Amino acid sequence: MSDIPTKSRFHLSPAETGVLAFTALYMAVWLVASFISKNDEFVFYFIVMCVLILAVGAVHLHVRLHIGALWGLSLWGLAHMAGGLMPVPASWPIKGDTHVLYNWWIVPGMLKYDQLVHAYGFGLVTWICWQSLRGSLDRRGVIVKPSFGLLTLCVAAGMGFGAMNEVVEFAATLTLPGTNVGGYENTSWDLVANLVGFLVAAVVISVRQAVSDVRKR
């Protein structure tokens, strides 16, 4: 059980309200654009996003995630929305047949927009896993620092969420015709991008703790 009083748990600060309003705004635009373009895939992802928002909200009410993490998640959702709906010029290099951001080669043959979004998003997930773990232990009187073991646990948790994302995408390919998900190679590169994000996040968390410890001396 959380030690945060019920009233304070359900109270949103101005910053939290701003994140919620920003997310609701682009979600509304997303839904309208999906219907106008008759993009059933992104209607599907809209529903998935609503479920994820509720899940994040439940976690936040118990552990109070950093406001930076909340904004980061909101921007991740926006990047996902833009990736599937925003067209790119025909002259831009893409992988596939659809000229949208998700297929854009930022560095031709090396780095796609899709991979960058994966690395960013799941690095963020690793940070949130660390916040949740540390917050849960703190409320039980156990003060922890980001050790190799605990960060490995957070990276493993992030990998699990990354795998779940691929399961959701697989479900989309089974239920919707003509998705822009990609094949086995795309899934594999998504997982590699996720791993990069996990490891970068773990290093940043560790370095920030080390810098904090030095400043306290």
Protein backbone atom coordinates (compact mmCIF):
# COMPACT_ATOMS: atom_id res chain seq x y z
CA MET A 1 0.00 0.00 0.00
CA SER A 2 1.18 3.52 -0.76
CA ASP A 3 1.88 5.90 2.14
CA ILE A 4 0.75 8.89 0.08
CA PRO A 5 -2.59 10.20 1.44
CA THR A 6 -5.53 9.54 -0.89
CA LYS A 7 -6.37 13.22 -1.41
CA SER A 8 -2.79 14.20 -2.25
CA ARG A 9 -2.43 11.18 -4.52
CA PHE A 10 -5.31 12.35 -6.70
CA HIS A 11 -4.28 16.01 -6.66
CA LEU A 12 -2.53 17.17 -9.83
CA SER A 13 0.02 19.96 -9.74
CA PRO A 14 -0.07 22.66 -12.45
CA ALA A 15 2.87 20.94 -14.17
CA GLU A 16 1.09 17.57 -14.15
CA THR A 17 -2.09 19.19 -15.44
CA GLY A 18 -0.05 20.72 -18.26
CA VAL A 19 1.27 17.30 -19.29
CA LEU A 20 -2.24 15.84 -19.23
CA ALA A 21 -3.70 18.72 -21.26
CA PHE A 22 -0.90 18.58 -23.85
CA THR A 23 -1.32 14.82 -24.23
CA ALA A 24 -5.11 15.04 -24.51
CA LEU A 25 -4.76 17.74 -27.18
CA TYR A 26 -2.50 15.79 -29.51
CA MET A 27 -4.44 12.58 -28.84
CA ALA A 28 -7.60 14.33 -30.05
CA VAL A 29 -5.77 15.57 -33.16
CA TRP A 30 -4.39 12.05 -33.67
CA LEU A 31 -7.86 10.48 -33.51
CA VAL A 32 -9.40 12.98 -35.93
CA ALA A 33 -6.48 12.63 -38.38
CA SER A 34 -6.73 8.83 -38.22
CA PHE A 35 -10.44 8.91 -39.06
CA ILE A 36 -9.97 11.44 -41.87
CA SER A 37 -7.18 9.40 -43.44
CA LYS A 38 -9.05 6.15 -42.70
CA ASN A 39 -5.95 4.85 -40.93
CA ASP A 40 -7.31 1.90 -38.93
CA GLU A 41 -3.83 1.05 -37.65
CA PHE A 42 -3.55 4.32 -35.78
CA VAL A 43 -7.07 4.04 -34.40
CA PHE A 44 -5.84 0.73 -32.97
CA TYR A 45 -2.77 2.44 -31.49
CA PHE A 46 -4.98 5.21 -30.11
CA ILE A 47 -6.79 2.59 -28.03
CA VAL A 48 -3.45 1.10 -26.94
CA MET A 49 -2.25 4.58 -25.96
CA CYS A 50 -5.36 5.16 -23.84
CA VAL A 51 -4.66 1.91 -21.96
CA LEU A 52 -1.01 2.93 -21.46
CA ILE A 53 -1.99 6.38 -20.19
CA LEU A 54 -4.25 4.78 -17.60
CA ALA A 55 -1.43 2.42 -16.59
CA VAL A 56 1.08 5.28 -16.25
CA GLY A 57 -1.49 7.24 -14.27
CA ALA A 58 -1.93 4.35 -11.84
CA VAL A 59 1.84 4.05 -11.36
CA HIS A 60 2.20 7.80 -10.94
CA LEU A 61 -0.46 7.95 -8.24
CA HIS A 62 1.56 5.48 -6.19
CA VAL A 63 5.18 6.51 -6.79
CA ARG A 64 4.93 10.09 -8.09
CA LEU A 65 7.12 9.94 -11.17
CA HIS A 66 9.48 12.82 -11.91
CA ILE A 67 7.75 15.54 -13.95
CA GLY A 68 10.50 15.13 -16.54
CA ALA A 69 9.50 11.49 -16.97
CA LEU A 70 5.86 12.47 -17.50
CA TRP A 71 6.79 15.04 -20.13
CA GLY A 72 9.15 12.51 -21.68
CA LEU A 73 6.37 9.94 -21.99
CA SER A 74 4.02 12.53 -23.47
CA LEU A 75 6.62 13.54 -26.07
CA TRP A 76 7.24 9.86 -26.84
CA GLY A 77 3.56 9.46 -27.63
CA LEU A 78 3.68 12.55 -29.83
CA ALA A 79 6.74 11.19 -31.67
CA HIS A 80 4.87 7.94 -32.26
CA MET A 81 1.82 9.77 -33.56
CA ALA A 82 3.90 11.93 -35.88
CA GLY A 83 5.85 8.90 -37.06
CA GLY A 84 2.81 7.19 -38.49
CA LEU A 85 0.76 10.15 -39.67
CA MET A 86 3.19 12.86 -40.77
CA PRO A 87 4.26 12.57 -44.43
CA VAL A 88 7.82 13.27 -45.54
CA PRO A 89 8.94 14.68 -48.92
CA ALA A 90 9.24 12.14 -51.73
CA SER A 91 12.93 13.07 -52.06
CA TRP A 92 13.73 11.89 -48.50
CA PRO A 93 15.23 8.38 -48.21
CA ILE A 94 12.78 5.87 -46.75
CA LYS A 95 12.56 2.15 -46.13
CA GLY A 96 9.29 0.78 -47.46
CA ASP A 97 6.56 2.20 -49.63
CA THR A 98 4.95 4.74 -47.32
CA HIS A 99 6.48 8.22 -47.13
CA VAL A 100 5.96 8.85 -43.41
CA LEU A 101 8.39 9.76 -40.64
CA TYR A 102 8.59 6.19 -39.30
CA ASN A 103 10.14 5.01 -42.58
CA TRP A 104 12.58 7.92 -42.90
CA TRP A 105 16.30 7.13 -42.94
CA ILE A 106 17.85 9.89 -40.81
CA VAL A 107 21.23 8.41 -41.71
CA PRO A 108 20.66 6.36 -44.89
CA GLY A 109 21.21 2.66 -44.28
CA MET A 110 22.17 3.21 -40.63
CA LEU A 111 19.56 5.03 -38.55
CA LYS A 112 15.80 5.34 -39.03
CA TYR A 113 13.42 7.68 -37.23
CA ASP A 114 11.65 4.58 -35.93
CA GLN A 115 14.83 3.30 -34.28
CA LEU A 116 15.57 6.67 -32.69
CA VAL A 117 12.07 6.77 -31.20
CA HIS A 118 12.53 3.23 -29.85
CA ALA A 119 15.86 4.05 -28.21
CA TYR A 120 14.51 7.25 -26.67
CA GLY A 121 11.26 5.73 -25.46
CA PHE A 122 12.62 2.58 -23.90
CA GLY A 123 15.53 4.42 -22.35
CA LEU A 124 12.84 6.51 -20.69
CA VAL A 125 11.03 3.34 -19.59
CA THR A 126 14.23 2.15 -17.89
CA TRP A 127 14.45 5.44 -15.96
CA ILE A 128 10.81 5.06 -14.91
CA CYS A 129 11.46 1.49 -13.76
CA TRP A 130 14.30 2.83 -11.60
CA GLN A 131 12.09 5.58 -10.15
CA SER A 132 9.36 3.05 -9.36
CA LEU A 133 11.78 0.60 -7.74
CA ARG A 134 13.55 3.26 -5.69
CA GLY A 135 10.28 4.92 -4.65
CA SER A 136 8.75 1.64 -3.52
CA LEU A 137 11.81 0.78 -1.44
CA ASP A 138 12.10 4.32 -0.02
CA ARG A 139 8.57 4.12 1.37
CA ARG A 140 9.58 0.94 3.18
CA GLY A 141 12.56 2.66 4.76
CA VAL A 142 15.12 1.13 2.43
CA ILE A 143 17.34 3.77 0.83
CA VAL A 144 19.02 2.47 -2.31
CA LYS A 145 21.46 3.76 -4.88
CA PRO A 146 21.69 2.66 -8.51
CA SER A 147 23.98 -0.33 -8.11
CA PHE A 148 24.93 -2.61 -11.00
CA GLY A 149 22.45 -5.24 -9.79
CA LEU A 150 19.50 -2.87 -9.43
CA LEU A 151 20.18 -1.19 -12.77
CA THR A 152 20.44 -4.62 -14.41
CA LEU A 153 17.00 -5.38 -12.97
CA CYS A 154 15.63 -2.11 -14.41
CA VAL A 155 17.18 -2.83 -17.81
CA ALA A 156 15.64 -6.32 -17.75
CA ALA A 157 12.25 -4.81 -16.88
CA GLY A 158 12.64 -2.34 -19.74
CA MET A 159 13.45 -5.23 -22.09
CA GLY A 160 10.23 -6.90 -21.01
CA PHE A 161 8.23 -3.79 -21.86
CA GLY A 162 10.04 -3.59 -25.20
CA ALA A 163 9.10 -7.18 -25.97
CA MET A 164 5.49 -6.43 -25.03
CA ASN A 165 5.54 -3.56 -27.53
CA GLU A 166 6.53 -6.00 -30.26
CA VAL A 167 3.69 -8.32 -29.20
CA VAL A 168 1.25 -5.41 -29.59
CA GLU A 169 2.66 -4.68 -33.05
CA PHE A 170 2.33 -8.37 -33.94
CA ALA A 171 -1.30 -8.25 -32.85
CA ALA A 172 -1.79 -5.29 -35.17
CA THR A 173 -0.46 -7.29 -38.13
CA LEU A 174 -2.89 -10.12 -37.35
CA THR A 175 -5.97 -7.94 -36.99
CA LEU A 176 -5.40 -5.11 -39.46
CA PRO A 177 -4.62 -5.28 -43.19
CA GLY A 178 -1.68 -3.34 -44.63
CA THR A 179 0.06 -2.21 -41.43
CA ASN A 180 3.38 -0.34 -41.50
CA VAL A 181 4.92 -2.55 -38.80
CA GLY A 182 7.55 -4.29 -40.93
CA GLY A 183 8.91 -7.83 -40.79
CA TYR A 184 11.35 -9.87 -38.73
CA GLU A 185 14.34 -7.68 -39.56
CA ASN A 186 12.45 -4.56 -38.48
CA THR A 187 11.49 -6.21 -35.18
CA SER A 188 15.10 -7.22 -34.57
CA TRP A 189 16.41 -3.70 -35.19
CA ASP A 190 13.68 -2.32 -32.92
CA LEU A 191 14.95 -4.58 -30.13
CA VAL A 192 18.55 -3.48 -30.78
CA ALA A 193 17.45 0.17 -30.62
CA ASN A 194 15.62 -0.60 -27.37
CA LEU A 195 18.79 -2.12 -25.92
CA VAL A 196 20.79 0.99 -26.79
CA GLY A 197 18.19 3.08 -24.99
CA PHE A 198 18.25 0.81 -21.92
CA LEU A 199 22.03 0.93 -21.63
CA VAL A 200 22.28 4.69 -22.16
CA ALA A 201 19.62 5.25 -19.50
CA ALA A 202 21.44 2.98 -17.03
CA VAL A 203 24.73 4.82 -17.59
CA VAL A 204 23.06 8.25 -17.18
CA ILE A 205 21.34 7.16 -13.94
CA SER A 206 24.64 5.84 -12.58
CA VAL A 207 26.62 8.94 -13.57
CA ARG A 208 24.02 11.29 -12.09
CA GLN A 209 24.22 9.41 -8.79
CA ALA A 210 28.01 9.56 -8.82
CA VAL A 211 27.93 13.32 -9.48
CA SER A 212 25.38 13.78 -6.69
CA ASP A 213 27.56 11.82 -4.25
CA VAL A 214 30.61 13.97 -5.11
CA ARG A 215 28.66 17.20 -4.53
CA LYS A 216 27.53 16.01 -1.08
CA ARG A 217 31.06 15.40 0.14
